[in-house]
């Protein structure tokens, strides 16, 4: 791979074994990314870090400009994205400090988040039955399954709106659907990465039991509990990133880069020149 994007919290600006070469302010036709993109070398690989919620965690989940974030990573030459994020568990066996490599998503957002680069005179319909790159997810699992981290390979992530946590009725409804974890951000990233022809995988760090678990130690979800467990999980996530990057050359084949090959519906002569220019990094080679 040429370059790997990593989306996560501001803690990932401080990965000790990453040699930073630049902090770039990237402009996109979709607005500003969440913060400066940190270009670095890590484990011999070219990587770009971006803070999902801003450098000082000032951006609400509904306010995260995923289009700008993914576009910026594509513009800087990334061909894969590893997303690191906190989630709540909807199953008793998935305990706080466990990590789930999700392979499916359910959308429960309701504020019309921007989850496509298309529109403005151009239509495309990407295949999304398997929303996560199986090859990248399996590589992350295979290189970390013996690392002492409690790791689940596969699971369904339900993307709620936020910023409030679930009601107990909602939490139990999602449990009845067989959902594994709940979060507020990853679905839009996965859709946009697929449109951009980038491999995408989620490292979902369990911080709490949402609000369904009627146990005195876990009955209430608080920011303090989440942050405490998130800080512990960050060390696991950094270890996982190191192991993955050291073995990225062993990743199996995939076809994520060709998602647009049969997806674009609008003929080129009918697409406005402004739209073609705006989407050039995304559609180049497919139209």
C-alpha atoms as a PDB file:
ATOM      1  CA  UNK A   1       0.000   0.000   0.000  1.00  0.00           C
ATOM      2  CA  UNK A   2       1.161   3.516  -0.770  1.00  0.00           C
ATOM      3  CA  UNK A   3      -0.213   5.234   2.316  1.00  0.00           C
ATOM      4  CA  UNK A   4      -2.623   4.347   5.131  1.00  0.00           C
ATOM      5  CA  UNK A   5      -5.053   6.760   6.757  1.00  0.00           C
ATOM      6  CA  UNK A   6      -5.808   6.442  10.461  1.00  0.00           C
ATOM      7  CA  UNK A   7      -8.881   8.180  11.869  1.00  0.00           C
ATOM      8  CA  UNK A   8      -9.161   8.360  15.640  1.00  0.00           C
ATOM      9  CA  UNK A   9      -8.973  10.517  18.718  1.00  0.00           C
ATOM     10  CA  UNK A  10      -6.374  13.182  19.416  1.00  0.00           C
ATOM     11  CA  UNK A  11      -4.351  10.608  21.390  1.00  0.00           C
ATOM     12  CA  UNK A  12      -3.212   9.156  18.082  1.00  0.00           C
ATOM     13  CA  UNK A  13      -1.305  12.360  17.385  1.00  0.00           C
ATOM     14  CA  UNK A  14       1.138  11.098  19.996  1.00  0.00           C
ATOM     15  CA  UNK A  15       2.061   7.611  18.842  1.00  0.00           C
ATOM     16  CA  UNK A  16       5.584   7.235  20.116  1.00  0.00           C
ATOM     17  CA  UNK A  17       7.026   5.226  17.231  1.00  0.00           C
ATOM     18  CA  UNK A  18       5.647   7.470  14.472  1.00  0.00           C
ATOM     19  CA  UNK A  19       8.108   9.838  12.828  1.00  0.00           C
ATOM     20  CA  UNK A  20       6.136  12.940  11.844  1.00  0.00           C
ATOM     21  CA  UNK A  21       7.185  14.732   8.668  1.00  0.00           C
ATOM     22  CA  UNK A  22       4.375  17.307   8.316  1.00  0.00           C
ATOM     23  CA  UNK A  23       1.100  18.631   9.693  1.00  0.00           C
ATOM     24  CA  UNK A  24      -1.004  19.636   6.719  1.00  0.00           C
ATOM     25  CA  UNK A  25      -4.069  21.856   6.456  1.00  0.00           C
ATOM     26  CA  UNK A  26      -5.858  20.280   3.501  1.00  0.00           C
ATOM     27  CA  UNK A  27      -8.588  22.063   1.541  1.00  0.00           C
ATOM     28  CA  UNK A  28     -11.443  20.063   0.013  1.00  0.00           C
ATOM     29  CA  UNK A  29     -14.544  20.952  -2.052  1.00  0.00           C
ATOM     30  CA  UNK A  30     -16.591  19.546   0.834  1.00  0.00           C
ATOM     31  CA  UNK A  31     -15.303  21.896   3.504  1.00  0.00           C
ATOM     32  CA  UNK A  32     -12.680  21.579   6.207  1.00  0.00           C
ATOM     33  CA  UNK A  33     -11.457  18.273   7.639  1.00  0.00           C
ATOM     34  CA  UNK A  34     -11.657  17.795  11.395  1.00  0.00           C
ATOM     35  CA  UNK A  35      -8.116  19.083  11.872  1.00  0.00           C
ATOM     36  CA  UNK A  36      -4.638  19.133  10.446  1.00  0.00           C
ATOM     37  CA  UNK A  37      -3.558  15.870   8.880  1.00  0.00           C
ATOM     38  CA  UNK A  38      -0.388  14.449  10.382  1.00  0.00           C
ATOM     39  CA  UNK A  39       1.845  12.843   7.765  1.00  0.00           C
ATOM     40  CA  UNK A  40       4.245  10.356   9.304  1.00  0.00           C
ATOM     41  CA  UNK A  41       6.283   7.205   8.920  1.00  0.00           C
ATOM     42  CA  UNK A  42       5.359   4.331  11.216  1.00  0.00           C
ATOM     43  CA  UNK A  43       6.755   0.799  11.144  1.00  0.00           C
ATOM     44  CA  UNK A  44       8.218   1.568   7.732  1.00  0.00           C
ATOM     45  CA  UNK A  45       4.820   2.573   6.328  1.00  0.00           C
ATOM     46  CA  UNK A  46       3.571   5.965   5.161  1.00  0.00           C
ATOM     47  CA  UNK A  47       0.602   6.967   7.318  1.00  0.00           C
ATOM     48  CA  UNK A  48      -1.694   9.961   7.735  1.00  0.00           C
ATOM     49  CA  UNK A  49      -3.474  10.609  11.040  1.00  0.00           C
ATOM     50  CA  UNK A  50      -6.634  12.709  11.325  1.00  0.00           C
ATOM     51  CA  UNK A  51      -8.457  13.565  14.597  1.00  0.00           C
ATOM     52  CA  UNK A  52     -12.128  12.705  14.031  1.00  0.00           C
ATOM     53  CA  UNK A  53     -13.483  15.115  16.643  1.00  0.00           C
ATOM     54  CA  UNK A  54     -10.798  17.790  16.272  1.00  0.00           C
ATOM     55  CA  UNK A  55      -7.473  18.179  18.040  1.00  0.00           C
ATOM     56  CA  UNK A  56      -9.211  19.217  21.294  1.00  0.00           C
ATOM     57  CA  UNK A  57     -12.377  17.096  20.845  1.00  0.00           C
ATOM     58  CA  UNK A  58     -14.610  20.027  19.915  1.00  0.00           C
ATOM     59  CA  UNK A  59     -16.701  18.418  17.143  1.00  0.00           C
ATOM     60  CA  UNK A  60     -19.960  16.580  17.856  1.00  0.00           C
ATOM     61  CA  UNK A  61     -20.538  13.224  16.118  1.00  0.00           C
ATOM     62  CA  UNK A  62     -23.222  14.827  13.930  1.00  0.00           C
ATOM     63  CA  UNK A  63     -20.820  17.638  13.052  1.00  0.00           C
ATOM     64  CA  UNK A  64     -17.918  15.449  11.895  1.00  0.00           C
ATOM     65  CA  UNK A  65     -17.304  16.285   8.238  1.00  0.00           C
ATOM     66  CA  UNK A  66     -16.566  12.762   7.064  1.00  0.00           C
ATOM     67  CA  UNK A  67     -16.666  13.806   3.414  1.00  0.00           C
ATOM     68  CA  UNK A  68     -13.847  16.285   3.977  1.00  0.00           C
ATOM     69  CA  UNK A  69     -11.886  13.806   6.122  1.00  0.00           C
ATOM     70  CA  UNK A  70     -12.046  10.942   3.607  1.00  0.00           C
ATOM     71  CA  UNK A  71     -11.499  13.249   0.621  1.00  0.00           C
ATOM     72  CA  UNK A  72      -8.409  14.722   2.308  1.00  0.00           C
ATOM     73  CA  UNK A  73      -6.968  11.255   2.958  1.00  0.00           C
ATOM     74  CA  UNK A  74      -7.604  10.310  -0.671  1.00  0.00           C
ATOM     75  CA  UNK A  75      -6.028  13.569  -1.835  1.00  0.00           C
ATOM     76  CA  UNK A  76      -2.886  12.735   0.165  1.00  0.00           C
ATOM     77  CA  UNK A  77      -2.619   9.349  -1.524  1.00  0.00           C
ATOM     78  CA  UNK A  78      -4.127   7.008   1.069  1.00  0.00           C
ATOM     79  CA  UNK A  79      -5.515   3.756  -0.306  1.00  0.00           C
ATOM     80  CA  UNK A  80      -6.728   2.344   3.023  1.00  0.00           C
ATOM     81  CA  UNK A  81      -8.332   3.689   6.196  1.00  0.00           C
ATOM     82  CA  UNK A  82      -8.177   2.194   9.671  1.00  0.00           C
ATOM     83  CA  UNK A  83     -10.772   3.764  11.953  1.00  0.00           C
ATOM     84  CA  UNK A  84     -10.316   3.629  15.727  1.00  0.00           C
ATOM     85  CA  UNK A  85     -13.330   4.555  17.850  1.00  0.00           C
ATOM     86  CA  UNK A  86     -15.107   4.017  21.161  1.00  0.00           C
ATOM     87  CA  UNK A  87     -18.303   1.962  21.272  1.00  0.00           C
ATOM     88  CA  UNK A  88     -20.810   0.661  23.777  1.00  0.00           C
ATOM     89  CA  UNK A  89     -21.422  -3.081  24.105  1.00  0.00           C
ATOM     90  CA  UNK A  90     -24.863  -4.583  23.532  1.00  0.00           C
ATOM     91  CA  UNK A  91     -23.818  -8.100  24.530  1.00  0.00           C
ATOM     92  CA  UNK A  92     -22.717  -9.285  27.963  1.00  0.00           C
ATOM     93  CA  UNK A  93     -19.795 -11.274  26.552  1.00  0.00           C
ATOM     94  CA  UNK A  94     -18.335  -8.126  24.946  1.00  0.00           C
ATOM     95  CA  UNK A  95     -16.839  -6.496  28.002  1.00  0.00           C
ATOM     96  CA  UNK A  96     -15.360  -3.032  28.493  1.00  0.00           C
ATOM     97  CA  UNK A  97     -11.750  -3.041  27.186  1.00  0.00           C
ATOM     98  CA  UNK A  98     -12.572  -5.712  24.576  1.00  0.00           C
ATOM     99  CA  UNK A  99     -12.103  -4.775  20.913  1.00  0.00           C
ATOM    100  CA  UNK A 100     -14.407  -5.681  18.032  1.00  0.00           C
ATOM    101  CA  UNK A 101     -13.403  -5.669  14.371  1.00  0.00           C
ATOM    102  CA  UNK A 102     -16.845  -4.881  12.981  1.00  0.00           C
ATOM    103  CA  UNK A 103     -17.946  -6.186   9.596  1.00  0.00           C
ATOM    104  CA  UNK A 104     -21.532  -4.873   9.382  1.00  0.00           C
ATOM    105  CA  UNK A 105     -23.405  -1.630  10.060  1.00  0.00           C
ATOM    106  CA  UNK A 106     -26.970  -0.515  10.732  1.00  0.00           C
ATOM    107  CA  UNK A 107     -27.885   3.135  10.230  1.00  0.00           C
ATOM    108  CA  UNK A 108     -29.968   4.887  12.886  1.00  0.00           C
ATOM    109  CA  UNK A 109     -28.849   8.447  12.191  1.00  0.00           C
ATOM    110  CA  UNK A 110     -31.562  11.028  11.595  1.00  0.00           C
ATOM    111  CA  UNK A 111     -29.933  14.359  10.763  1.00  0.00           C
ATOM    112  CA  UNK A 112     -29.251  13.701   7.069  1.00  0.00           C
ATOM    113  CA  UNK A 113     -25.503  13.202   7.458  1.00  0.00           C
ATOM    114  CA  UNK A 114     -23.603  13.602   4.222  1.00  0.00           C
ATOM    115  CA  UNK A 115     -22.588  10.054   3.306  1.00  0.00           C
ATOM    116  CA  UNK A 116     -21.833  10.387  -0.402  1.00  0.00           C
ATOM    117  CA  UNK A 117     -19.535  12.395  -2.629  1.00  0.00           C
ATOM    118  CA  UNK A 118     -22.057  12.207  -5.457  1.00  0.00           C
ATOM    119  CA  UNK A 119     -24.928  14.471  -6.439  1.00  0.00           C
ATOM    120  CA  UNK A 120     -24.709  17.829  -8.248  1.00  0.00           C
ATOM    121  CA  UNK A 121     -25.504  16.182 -11.567  1.00  0.00           C
ATOM    122  CA  UNK A 122     -23.745  12.836 -11.068  1.00  0.00           C
ATOM    123  CA  UNK A 123     -25.233   9.599  -9.757  1.00  0.00           C
ATOM    124  CA  UNK A 124     -23.408   6.494  -8.521  1.00  0.00           C
ATOM    125  CA  UNK A 125     -24.604   3.487  -6.515  1.00  0.00           C
ATOM    126  CA  UNK A 126     -21.778   1.585  -4.816  1.00  0.00           C
ATOM    127  CA  UNK A 127     -22.061  -2.059  -3.710  1.00  0.00           C
ATOM    128  CA  UNK A 128     -22.193  -2.044   0.080  1.00  0.00           C
ATOM    129  CA  UNK A 129     -23.383  -5.494   1.118  1.00  0.00           C
ATOM    130  CA  UNK A 130     -19.999  -6.048   2.763  1.00  0.00           C
ATOM    131  CA  UNK A 131     -19.206  -2.549   4.090  1.00  0.00           C
ATOM    132  CA  UNK A 132     -15.786  -3.396   5.552  1.00  0.00           C
ATOM    133  CA  UNK A 133     -12.741  -4.626   3.647  1.00  0.00           C
ATOM    134  CA  UNK A 134     -12.542  -8.318   4.571  1.00  0.00           C
ATOM    135  CA  UNK A 135      -8.840  -8.520   3.694  1.00  0.00           C
ATOM    136  CA  UNK A 136      -7.855  -5.582   5.901  1.00  0.00           C
ATOM    137  CA  UNK A 137     -10.075  -6.719   8.777  1.00  0.00           C
ATOM    138  CA  UNK A 138      -8.629 -10.240   8.681  1.00  0.00           C
ATOM    139  CA  UNK A 139      -5.086  -8.871   8.572  1.00  0.00           C
ATOM    140  CA  UNK A 140      -5.750  -6.786  11.693  1.00  0.00           C
ATOM    141  CA  UNK A 141      -7.154  -9.857  13.429  1.00  0.00           C
ATOM    142  CA  UNK A 142      -4.453 -12.296  12.325  1.00  0.00           C
ATOM    143  CA  UNK A 143      -1.623  -9.994  13.391  1.00  0.00           C
ATOM    144  CA  UNK A 144      -3.160  -9.278  16.811  1.00  0.00           C
ATOM    145  CA  UNK A 145      -5.038 -12.424  17.877  1.00  0.00           C
ATOM    146  CA  UNK A 146      -2.092 -13.632  19.980  1.00  0.00           C
ATOM    147  CA  UNK A 147      -1.141 -10.231  21.388  1.00  0.00           C
ATOM    148  CA  UNK A 148      -2.971 -10.552  24.719  1.00  0.00           C
ATOM    149  CA  UNK A 149      -5.851  -8.311  23.598  1.00  0.00           C
ATOM    150  CA  UNK A 150      -9.400  -9.679  23.804  1.00  0.00           C
ATOM    151  CA  UNK A 151     -10.399  -9.401  20.177  1.00  0.00           C
ATOM    152  CA  UNK A 152     -13.571 -10.317  18.246  1.00  0.00           C
ATOM    153  CA  UNK A 153     -13.280 -10.715  14.481  1.00  0.00           C
ATOM    154  CA  UNK A 154     -16.665  -9.606  13.153  1.00  0.00           C
ATOM    155  CA  UNK A 155     -19.687  -7.904  14.636  1.00  0.00           C
ATOM    156  CA  UNK A 156     -22.507  -5.500  13.820  1.00  0.00           C
ATOM    157  CA  UNK A 157     -22.137  -1.794  14.665  1.00  0.00           C
ATOM    158  CA  UNK A 158     -25.298   0.274  14.937  1.00  0.00           C
ATOM    159  CA  UNK A 159     -24.675   3.937  14.158  1.00  0.00           C
ATOM    160  CA  UNK A 160     -26.930   6.090  16.338  1.00  0.00           C
ATOM    161  CA  UNK A 161     -27.218   9.855  16.021  1.00  0.00           C
ATOM    162  CA  UNK A 162     -26.032  11.111  19.400  1.00  0.00           C
ATOM    163  CA  UNK A 163     -24.752  13.095  21.138  1.00  0.00           C
ATOM    164  CA  UNK A 164     -27.030  11.729  23.903  1.00  0.00           C
ATOM    165  CA  UNK A 165     -26.592   8.078  24.771  1.00  0.00           C
ATOM    166  CA  UNK A 166     -29.415   5.572  24.177  1.00  0.00           C
ATOM    167  CA  UNK A 167     -32.596   5.224  26.159  1.00  0.00           C
ATOM    168  CA  UNK A 168     -32.971   1.831  27.808  1.00  0.00           C
ATOM    169  CA  UNK A 169     -35.820   0.993  25.405  1.00  0.00           C
ATOM    170  CA  UNK A 170     -33.591   1.766  22.406  1.00  0.00           C
ATOM    171  CA  UNK A 171     -30.710  -0.218  23.840  1.00  0.00           C
ATOM    172  CA  UNK A 172     -32.901  -3.272  24.386  1.00  0.00           C
ATOM    173  CA  UNK A 173     -34.422  -2.915  20.907  1.00  0.00           C
ATOM    174  CA  UNK A 174     -30.963  -3.039  19.328  1.00  0.00           C
ATOM    175  CA  UNK A 175     -30.111  -6.064  21.476  1.00  0.00           C
ATOM    176  CA  UNK A 176     -33.219  -7.828  20.156  1.00  0.00           C
ATOM    177  CA  UNK A 177     -31.849  -7.252  16.629  1.00  0.00           C
ATOM    178  CA  UNK A 178     -28.640  -9.069  17.547  1.00  0.00           C
ATOM    179  CA  UNK A 179     -26.449  -5.958  17.320  1.00  0.00           C
ATOM    180  CA  UNK A 180     -23.030  -6.195  18.965  1.00  0.00           C
ATOM    181  CA  UNK A 181     -21.869  -2.614  19.544  1.00  0.00           C
ATOM    182  CA  UNK A 182     -23.191   0.933  19.276  1.00  0.00           C
ATOM    183  CA  UNK A 183     -21.381   4.079  18.171  1.00  0.00           C
ATOM    184  CA  UNK A 184     -21.962   7.463  16.554  1.00  0.00           C
ATOM    185  CA  UNK A 185     -19.506   7.901  13.670  1.00  0.00           C
ATOM    186  CA  UNK A 186     -18.222   4.981  11.615  1.00  0.00           C
ATOM    187  CA  UNK A 187     -20.920   4.277   9.027  1.00  0.00           C
ATOM    188  CA  UNK A 188     -20.425   7.497   7.063  1.00  0.00           C
ATOM    189  CA  UNK A 189     -16.669   6.874   6.957  1.00  0.00           C
ATOM    190  CA  UNK A 190     -17.197   3.356   5.614  1.00  0.00           C
ATOM    191  CA  UNK A 191     -19.563   4.512   2.850  1.00  0.00           C
ATOM    192  CA  UNK A 192     -17.313   7.347   1.751  1.00  0.00           C
ATOM    193  CA  UNK A 193     -14.176   5.215   1.841  1.00  0.00           C
ATOM    194  CA  UNK A 194     -15.897   2.683  -0.416  1.00  0.00           C
ATOM    195  CA  UNK A 195     -16.870   5.413  -2.889  1.00  0.00           C
ATOM    196  CA  UNK A 196     -13.276   6.633  -2.822  1.00  0.00           C
ATOM    197  CA  UNK A 197     -11.966   3.135  -3.582  1.00  0.00           C
ATOM    198  CA  UNK A 198     -10.198   2.788  -0.234  1.00  0.00           C
ATOM    199  CA  UNK A 199     -10.034  -0.290   1.973  1.00  0.00           C
ATOM    200  CA  UNK A 200     -11.748   0.424   5.305  1.00  0.00           C
ATOM    201  CA  UNK A 201     -11.763  -1.345   8.669  1.00  0.00           C
ATOM    202  CA  UNK A 202     -13.002  -0.406  12.128  1.00  0.00           C
ATOM    203  CA  UNK A 203     -11.228  -1.070  15.424  1.00  0.00           C
ATOM    204  CA  UNK A 204     -14.146  -0.659  17.832  1.00  0.00           C
ATOM    205  CA  UNK A 205     -12.971  -0.250  21.429  1.00  0.00           C
ATOM    206  CA  UNK A 206     -15.621  -1.221  23.990  1.00  0.00           C
ATOM    207  CA  UNK A 207     -15.814   1.352  26.787  1.00  0.00           C
ATOM    208  CA  UNK A 208     -19.178   0.559  28.430  1.00  0.00           C
ATOM    209  CA  UNK A 209     -22.346  -1.552  28.360  1.00  0.00           C
ATOM    210  CA  UNK A 210     -24.564   1.220  27.002  1.00  0.00           C
ATOM    211  CA  UNK A 211     -27.514   1.421  29.461  1.00  0.00           C
ATOM    212  CA  UNK A 212     -29.198  -1.983  29.123  1.00  0.00           C
ATOM    213  CA  UNK A 213     -27.000  -3.909  31.556  1.00  0.00           C
ATOM    214  CA  UNK A 214     -28.684  -3.947  34.968  1.00  0.00           C
ATOM    215  CA  UNK A 215     -25.611  -4.419  37.094  1.00  0.00           C
ATOM    216  CA  UNK A 216     -24.614  -1.942  39.839  1.00  0.00           C
ATOM    217  CA  UNK A 217     -21.164  -1.459  38.349  1.00  0.00           C
ATOM    218  CA  UNK A 218     -22.445  -0.748  34.814  1.00  0.00           C
ATOM    219  CA  UNK A 219     -26.007   0.565  35.157  1.00  0.00           C
ATOM    220  CA  UNK A 220     -25.168   4.168  34.207  1.00  0.00           C
ATOM    221  CA  UNK A 221     -23.133   5.302  31.227  1.00  0.00           C
ATOM    222  CA  UNK A 222     -21.064   8.382  32.078  1.00  0.00           C
ATOM    223  CA  UNK A 223     -18.435  10.341  30.199  1.00  0.00           C
ATOM    224  CA  UNK A 224     -15.951   9.695  33.032  1.00  0.00           C
ATOM    225  CA  UNK A 225     -16.325   5.911  32.668  1.00  0.00           C
ATOM    226  CA  UNK A 226     -15.999   6.102  28.895  1.00  0.00           C
ATOM    227  CA  UNK A 227     -12.898   8.301  28.983  1.00  0.00           C
ATOM    228  CA  UNK A 228     -11.231   6.127  31.638  1.00  0.00           C
ATOM    229  CA  UNK A 229     -11.772   2.964  29.590  1.00  0.00           C
ATOM    230  CA  UNK A 230     -10.967   4.745  26.338  1.00  0.00           C
ATOM    231  CA  UNK A 231      -7.565   5.769  27.678  1.00  0.00           C
ATOM    232  CA  UNK A 232      -6.856   2.162  28.633  1.00  0.00           C
ATOM    233  CA  UNK A 233      -8.006   0.943  25.226  1.00  0.00           C
ATOM    234  CA  UNK A 234      -5.832   3.477  23.386  1.00  0.00           C
ATOM    235  CA  UNK A 235      -2.751   1.541  24.454  1.00  0.00           C
ATOM    236  CA  UNK A 236      -4.259  -1.623  22.969  1.00  0.00           C
ATOM    237  CA  UNK A 237      -5.176   0.195  19.760  1.00  0.00           C
ATOM    238  CA  UNK A 238      -1.656   1.607  19.362  1.00  0.00           C
ATOM    239  CA  UNK A 239      -0.237  -1.894  19.805  1.00  0.00           C
ATOM    240  CA  UNK A 240      -2.680  -3.210  17.203  1.00  0.00           C
ATOM    241  CA  UNK A 241      -1.772  -0.497  14.713  1.00  0.00           C
ATOM    242  CA  UNK A 242       1.921  -1.283  15.148  1.00  0.00           C
ATOM    243  CA  UNK A 243       1.382  -5.012  14.590  1.00  0.00           C
ATOM    244  CA  UNK A 244      -0.842  -4.365  11.579  1.00  0.00           C
ATOM    245  CA  UNK A 245       1.474  -1.897   9.888  1.00  0.00           C
ATOM    246  CA  UNK A 246       4.464  -4.182  10.390  1.00  0.00           C
ATOM    247  CA  UNK A 247       2.602  -6.898   8.480  1.00  0.00           C
ATOM    248  CA  UNK A 248       0.609  -4.854   5.945  1.00  0.00           C
ATOM    249  CA  UNK A 249       2.475  -6.556   3.105  1.00  0.00           C
ATOM    250  CA  UNK A 250       0.751  -9.820   4.057  1.00  0.00           C
ATOM    251  CA  UNK A 251      -2.718  -8.452   3.377  1.00  0.00           C
ATOM    252  CA  UNK A 252      -4.730 -10.597   0.989  1.00  0.00           C
ATOM    253  CA  UNK A 253      -6.209  -9.336  -2.280  1.00  0.00           C
ATOM    254  CA  UNK A 254      -9.368  -7.244  -2.356  1.00  0.00           C
ATOM    255  CA  UNK A 255     -11.393  -5.252  -4.883  1.00  0.00           C
ATOM    256  CA  UNK A 256     -12.215  -2.136  -2.837  1.00  0.00           C
ATOM    257  CA  UNK A 257     -10.303   0.054  -5.265  1.00  0.00           C
ATOM    258  CA  UNK A 258     -12.727  -0.920  -8.055  1.00  0.00           C
ATOM    259  CA  UNK A 259     -15.992  -0.061  -6.276  1.00  0.00           C
ATOM    260  CA  UNK A 260     -16.881   2.555  -8.896  1.00  0.00           C
ATOM    261  CA  UNK A 261     -16.173   0.362 -11.913  1.00  0.00           C
ATOM    262  CA  UNK A 262     -19.840  -0.559 -12.364  1.00  0.00           C
ATOM    263  CA  UNK A 263     -21.416   2.032 -10.054  1.00  0.00           C
ATOM    264  CA  UNK A 264     -21.524   5.286 -12.015  1.00  0.00           C
ATOM    265  CA  UNK A 265     -24.876   5.737 -13.752  1.00  0.00           C
ATOM    266  CA  UNK A 266     -24.601   9.186 -15.334  1.00  0.00           C
ATOM    267  CA  UNK A 267     -22.870   9.451 -18.710  1.00  0.00           C
ATOM    268  CA  UNK A 268     -19.840  11.743 -18.739  1.00  0.00           C
ATOM    269  CA  UNK A 269     -21.320  14.152 -21.277  1.00  0.00           C
ATOM    270  CA  UNK A 270     -24.248  14.789 -18.940  1.00  0.00           C
ATOM    271  CA  UNK A 271     -22.152  15.589 -15.861  1.00  0.00           C
ATOM    272  CA  UNK A 272     -21.466  19.283 -15.122  1.00  0.00           C
ATOM    273  CA  UNK A 273     -17.801  20.224 -15.593  1.00  0.00           C
ATOM    274  CA  UNK A 274     -17.707  21.617 -12.052  1.00  0.00           C
ATOM    275  CA  UNK A 275     -18.753  18.245 -10.629  1.00  0.00           C
ATOM    276  CA  UNK A 276     -16.193  16.361 -12.713  1.00  0.00           C
ATOM    277  CA  UNK A 277     -13.461  18.674 -11.451  1.00  0.00           C
ATOM    278  CA  UNK A 278     -14.575  18.412  -7.834  1.00  0.00           C
ATOM    279  CA  UNK A 279     -14.673  14.614  -7.909  1.00  0.00           C
ATOM    280  CA  UNK A 280     -11.509  14.040  -9.930  1.00  0.00           C
ATOM    281  CA  UNK A 281      -9.559  12.339  -7.094  1.00  0.00           C
ATOM    282  CA  UNK A 282     -12.511   9.992  -6.554  1.00  0.00           C
ATOM    283  CA  UNK A 283     -13.603   9.153 -10.111  1.00  0.00           C
ATOM    284  CA  UNK A 284     -10.313   9.293 -12.005  1.00  0.00           C
ATOM    285  CA  UNK A 285      -9.923   6.130 -14.074  1.00  0.00           C
ATOM    286  CA  UNK A 286     -13.618   5.240 -13.928  1.00  0.00           C
ATOM    287  CA  UNK A 287     -15.187   7.773 -16.290  1.00  0.00           C
END
